Protein backbone atom coordinates (compact mmCIF):
# COMPACT_ATOMS: atom_id res chain seq x y z
CA MET A 1 7.28 -44.79 -42.04
CA ASN A 2 9.35 -47.83 -41.25
CA MET A 3 10.00 -49.06 -37.68
CA ALA A 4 13.74 -48.18 -37.63
CA ARG A 5 12.97 -44.58 -38.59
CA GLN A 6 10.27 -44.23 -35.89
CA GLU A 7 12.64 -45.62 -33.25
CA SER A 8 15.36 -43.16 -34.32
CA ARG A 9 12.96 -40.19 -34.06
CA PHE A 10 11.81 -41.38 -30.63
CA ARG A 11 15.40 -41.57 -29.36
CA ARG A 12 16.21 -38.08 -30.67
CA GLY A 13 13.04 -36.69 -29.14
CA GLY A 14 13.78 -38.37 -25.82
CA PHE A 15 17.32 -37.04 -25.89
CA CYS A 16 16.06 -33.49 -26.54
CA VAL A 17 13.61 -33.68 -23.64
CA LEU A 18 16.36 -34.98 -21.32
CA ALA A 19 18.81 -32.29 -22.48
CA LEU A 20 16.25 -29.53 -21.90
CA ALA A 21 15.37 -30.87 -18.46
CA LEU A 22 19.02 -30.97 -17.42
CA ALA A 23 19.64 -27.51 -18.86
CA GLY A 24 16.91 -26.13 -16.62
CA PHE A 25 19.01 -26.89 -13.56
CA SER A 26 21.80 -24.62 -14.79
CA ILE A 27 19.66 -21.67 -15.88
CA PRO A 28 19.71 -18.84 -13.33
CA GLY A 29 16.36 -18.66 -11.58
CA CYS A 30 15.47 -22.32 -12.19
CA GLY A 31 15.59 -24.19 -8.90
CA ALA A 32 15.76 -20.83 -7.14
CA GLY A 33 17.03 -20.97 -3.62
CA ILE A 34 19.09 -24.15 -3.97
CA SER A 35 22.41 -22.35 -3.57
CA ALA A 36 21.19 -19.07 -2.07
CA ASP A 37 23.05 -17.60 0.90
CA ARG A 38 20.77 -17.95 3.90
CA ALA A 39 21.10 -17.05 7.55
CA ALA A 40 19.29 -17.89 10.76
CA VAL A 41 16.94 -15.25 12.15
CA LYS A 42 14.97 -15.18 15.37
CA GLY A 43 13.04 -12.59 17.27
CA THR A 44 9.86 -11.43 18.91
CA VAL A 45 6.65 -9.92 17.54
CA THR A 46 4.14 -7.90 19.53
CA PHE A 47 0.98 -6.07 18.55
CA ASN A 48 -0.06 -3.13 20.72
CA GLY A 49 2.29 -4.38 23.44
CA GLN A 50 0.99 -7.97 23.49
CA PRO A 51 2.85 -11.00 22.08
CA ILE A 52 1.20 -12.39 18.95
CA LYS A 53 -0.21 -15.75 20.09
CA LYS A 54 -0.16 -17.44 16.71
CA GLY A 55 0.85 -16.12 13.31
CA ARG A 56 3.34 -16.15 10.46
CA ILE A 57 6.35 -14.01 9.56
CA ASN A 58 7.68 -13.87 5.99
CA PHE A 59 10.93 -12.33 4.76
CA VAL A 60 10.74 -11.35 1.09
CA PRO A 61 13.99 -10.29 -0.63
CA ALA A 62 13.93 -6.61 -1.64
CA GLU A 63 15.67 -4.50 -4.27
CA ASP A 64 18.85 -6.24 -5.53
CA ASN A 65 18.50 -9.18 -3.13
CA LYS A 66 17.77 -12.21 -5.35
CA GLY A 67 17.40 -14.83 -2.61
CA PRO A 68 14.29 -16.89 -1.89
CA ALA A 69 11.43 -15.79 0.35
CA SER A 70 11.36 -17.55 3.71
CA GLY A 71 9.93 -17.22 7.17
CA GLY A 72 8.47 -19.06 10.07
CA VAL A 73 5.67 -19.56 12.54
CA ILE A 74 5.07 -17.09 15.35
CA LEU A 75 4.05 -18.75 18.63
CA ASP A 76 3.54 -16.80 21.84
CA GLY A 77 5.30 -13.80 20.31
CA LYS A 78 8.46 -15.64 19.21
CA TYR A 79 9.77 -17.01 15.91
CA ASP A 80 12.95 -18.82 14.87
CA SER A 81 14.07 -19.53 11.32
CA PRO A 82 17.16 -21.82 11.29
CA ALA A 83 19.89 -21.30 8.67
CA GLU A 84 18.98 -24.44 6.65
CA MET A 85 15.61 -22.92 5.80
CA GLY A 86 16.68 -19.44 6.80
CA VAL A 87 16.24 -15.99 5.41
CA ALA A 88 18.07 -14.68 2.34
CA VAL A 89 21.08 -12.58 3.28
CA GLY A 90 20.59 -8.90 2.45
CA LYS A 91 17.65 -6.52 2.54
CA ASN A 92 14.22 -8.11 3.07
CA MET A 93 10.70 -6.77 3.35
CA VAL A 94 8.88 -8.34 6.29
CA GLU A 95 5.24 -9.46 6.27
CA ILE A 96 3.49 -10.41 9.50
CA ARG A 97 0.10 -12.07 9.71
CA ALA A 98 -1.98 -13.22 12.66
CA PRO A 99 -5.35 -14.70 11.71
CA GLU A 100 -7.87 -15.15 14.48
CA GLU A 101 -11.12 -17.09 14.63
CA THR A 102 -14.25 -14.90 14.81
CA GLY A 103 -16.46 -17.49 16.49
CA LYS A 104 -18.60 -17.80 13.36
CA LYS A 105 -18.68 -20.56 10.76
CA THR A 106 -18.29 -20.24 7.00
CA LYS A 107 -18.69 -22.60 4.06
CA ASN A 108 -15.60 -24.67 3.32
CA PRO A 109 -14.48 -23.80 -0.24
CA TYR A 110 -13.04 -27.33 -0.58
CA GLY A 111 -15.99 -29.32 0.73
CA ASP A 112 -19.59 -29.31 1.83
CA ASP A 113 -18.94 -28.70 5.52
CA GLU A 114 -18.44 -25.49 7.48
CA ILE A 115 -15.16 -24.28 8.93
CA PRO A 116 -14.30 -21.58 11.48
CA GLU A 117 -14.28 -18.08 9.98
CA VAL A 118 -10.99 -16.21 10.47
CA THR A 119 -10.02 -12.57 10.17
CA GLU A 120 -6.65 -10.83 10.08
CA VAL A 121 -5.68 -9.06 13.30
CA ILE A 122 -2.64 -7.18 11.94
CA PRO A 123 -3.08 -4.00 9.81
CA ASP A 124 -2.21 -4.20 6.10
CA SER A 125 0.79 -1.91 6.60
CA TYR A 126 2.53 -4.92 8.18
CA ASN A 127 1.57 -7.52 5.53
CA LEU A 128 -0.22 -6.72 2.22
CA ALA A 129 1.33 -3.22 2.04
CA THR A 130 4.23 -3.82 4.41
CA THR A 131 6.61 -1.07 5.44
CA LEU A 132 8.74 -3.36 7.60
CA GLU A 133 12.33 -4.15 6.60
CA ALA A 134 15.16 -6.30 7.96
CA ASN A 135 18.78 -6.50 6.83
CA ILE A 136 20.08 -10.05 7.32
CA GLU A 137 23.83 -10.63 7.56
CA THR A 138 26.01 -13.69 7.01
CA GLY A 139 27.75 -15.18 10.04
CA LYS A 140 25.79 -13.19 12.61
CA ASP A 141 23.19 -14.07 15.19
CA ASN A 142 20.46 -12.16 13.38
CA GLU A 143 17.69 -10.98 15.65
CA ALA A 144 14.77 -8.99 14.28
CA ASN A 145 12.14 -7.85 16.77
CA PHE A 146 8.95 -6.15 15.70
CA GLU A 147 6.71 -4.00 17.94
CA LEU A 148 3.60 -3.41 15.86
CA THR A 149 0.91 -0.87 16.74
CA GLY A 150 -2.38 0.16 15.22
CA LYS A 151 -6.03 -0.66 14.91
CA ARG A 152 -7.29 -4.06 13.89
CA PRO A 153 -8.49 -4.00 10.29
CA ARG A 154 -12.24 -4.07 9.65
CA ARG A 155 -13.04 -6.80 7.17
């Protein structure tokens, strides 16, 4: 194959790759969350009447809500998710986790050392098999407080 023909095929191939890459930005679902309607949410989280010292709250869009999942850190029983990185407007399932160190050590899966062993304090019905919901609205000061109860899971 002569050099001019190879160069022409390269240019066409490069153009096709560029066209496909640019098309990906306009396909629904690609770049999810870029233009999603989000809102700020804050609140408190307790477990058996005590503020969760350290944990994570996640809001996962439910049913027809197509927004991105989002959340925040729980510190001393409080969380705050600002609008810029906020929660998708509409119905969301809520997952709450609060890992706690057991005082034991375990092998680090990413190295040769040992790391603190952790266990989940919150029952699965509030995370893996959550029953919690929150409806987030546009233009409101959304506050979602959660008073969790139950027994610590045995793991």
